[in-house]
Amino acid sequence: MVRITPKSVIFELDIGADEVILKGSWNNWKGERMKKNKKGLFSKRKKLNPGTYEFGYMVDGKWIADDSCELVDSPFGSKNSLLKVEK
């Protein structure tokens, strides 16, 4: 799930996993480890400039898209999530 606040974008994923890496077009797909809280929720807060971005999660080595967002085809035969950040 993605929540957009006035100052940041919060990525959250509630999944039984050991590791979740957030990857997106905002930084040329460089992986960023998400933090896991005591309840098992992974999250990452980011400041993003207005624009349209593709992203997804690497969950224990497997690529998944966030279906709370619009999905688009990736060049690798999978799906990416589409995020639109307004001004």
Protein backbone atom coordinates (compact mmCIF):
# COMPACT_ATOMS: atom_id res chain seq x y z
CA MET A 1 0.00 0.00 0.00
CA VAL A 2 1.15 3.52 -0.74
CA ARG A 3 0.16 6.60 1.24
CA ILE A 4 0.99 10.06 -0.05
CA THR A 5 1.31 12.78 2.58
CA PRO A 6 2.08 16.47 2.00
CA LYS A 7 5.78 15.89 2.70
CA SER A 8 6.48 12.27 1.74
CA VAL A 9 5.35 8.98 0.26
CA ILE A 10 4.99 6.01 2.60
CA PHE A 11 5.36 2.53 1.16
CA GLU A 12 3.93 -0.28 3.32
CA LEU A 13 3.76 -4.01 2.76
CA ASP A 14 2.19 -6.49 5.16
CA ILE A 15 3.70 -9.80 4.11
CA GLY A 16 5.34 -12.73 5.82
CA ALA A 17 8.92 -12.28 4.67
CA ASP A 18 12.44 -11.94 5.99
CA GLU A 19 13.48 -9.10 3.67
CA VAL A 20 11.73 -6.58 1.45
CA ILE A 21 13.63 -4.28 -0.90
CA LEU A 22 11.86 -1.29 -2.50
CA LYS A 23 12.97 -0.52 -6.06
CA GLY A 24 11.77 2.28 -8.30
CA SER A 25 12.43 4.45 -11.29
CA TRP A 26 12.98 7.53 -9.05
CA ASN A 27 16.58 6.39 -8.44
CA ASN A 28 17.26 4.16 -11.46
CA TRP A 29 15.96 1.05 -9.63
CA LYS A 30 18.53 1.10 -6.82
CA GLY A 31 17.27 -1.16 -4.04
CA GLU A 32 16.35 0.31 -0.66
CA ARG A 33 15.74 -2.00 2.29
CA MET A 34 12.39 -1.55 4.02
CA LYS A 35 12.18 -1.68 7.83
CA LYS A 36 10.07 -4.33 9.53
CA ASN A 37 8.15 -3.36 12.67
CA LYS A 38 7.19 -5.62 15.58
CA LYS A 39 3.87 -6.52 13.91
CA GLY A 40 5.66 -7.64 10.73
CA LEU A 41 4.75 -4.61 8.59
CA PHE A 42 7.50 -3.45 6.23
CA SER A 43 7.65 0.28 5.54
CA LYS A 44 9.77 2.96 3.89
CA ARG A 45 9.20 6.73 3.84
CA LYS A 46 10.57 8.71 0.89
CA LYS A 47 10.52 12.29 -0.33
CA LEU A 48 9.78 12.24 -4.06
CA ASN A 49 9.50 15.10 -6.52
CA PRO A 50 6.25 15.41 -8.46
CA GLY A 51 6.13 12.96 -11.34
CA THR A 52 5.13 9.49 -12.43
CA TYR A 53 7.22 6.56 -11.23
CA GLU A 54 7.28 2.80 -11.64
CA PHE A 55 8.20 0.65 -8.65
CA GLY A 56 7.93 -2.74 -7.03
CA TYR A 57 9.14 -4.87 -4.15
CA MET A 58 11.76 -7.60 -4.08
CA VAL A 59 10.36 -9.93 -1.41
CA ASP A 60 12.85 -12.59 -0.34
CA GLY A 61 14.26 -12.50 -3.87
CA LYS A 62 10.91 -12.54 -5.71
CA TRP A 63 9.54 -9.49 -7.58
CA ILE A 64 6.03 -8.36 -6.69
CA ALA A 65 4.02 -5.28 -7.61
CA ASP A 66 1.79 -3.28 -5.26
CA ASP A 67 -1.73 -3.96 -6.48
CA SER A 68 -3.08 -0.96 -4.55
CA CYS A 69 -1.68 1.08 -7.46
CA GLU A 70 -2.22 0.89 -11.18
CA LEU A 71 -0.11 -1.90 -12.73
CA VAL A 72 1.93 -1.67 -15.93
CA ASP A 73 3.94 -4.24 -17.87
CA SER A 74 7.67 -4.35 -17.21
CA PRO A 75 10.21 -5.18 -19.92
CA PHE A 76 10.95 -8.42 -18.03
CA GLY A 77 7.51 -10.01 -18.39
CA SER A 78 6.31 -9.06 -14.91
CA LYS A 79 4.28 -6.12 -13.59
CA ASN A 80 5.38 -2.83 -12.05
CA SER A 81 3.27 -0.51 -9.94
CA LEU A 82 2.63 3.03 -11.16
CA LEU A 83 2.85 5.91 -8.70
CA LYS A 84 1.77 9.48 -9.55
CA VAL A 85 3.03 12.18 -7.19
CA GLU A 86 1.24 15.51 -7.59
CA LYS A 87 2.58 18.95 -6.69
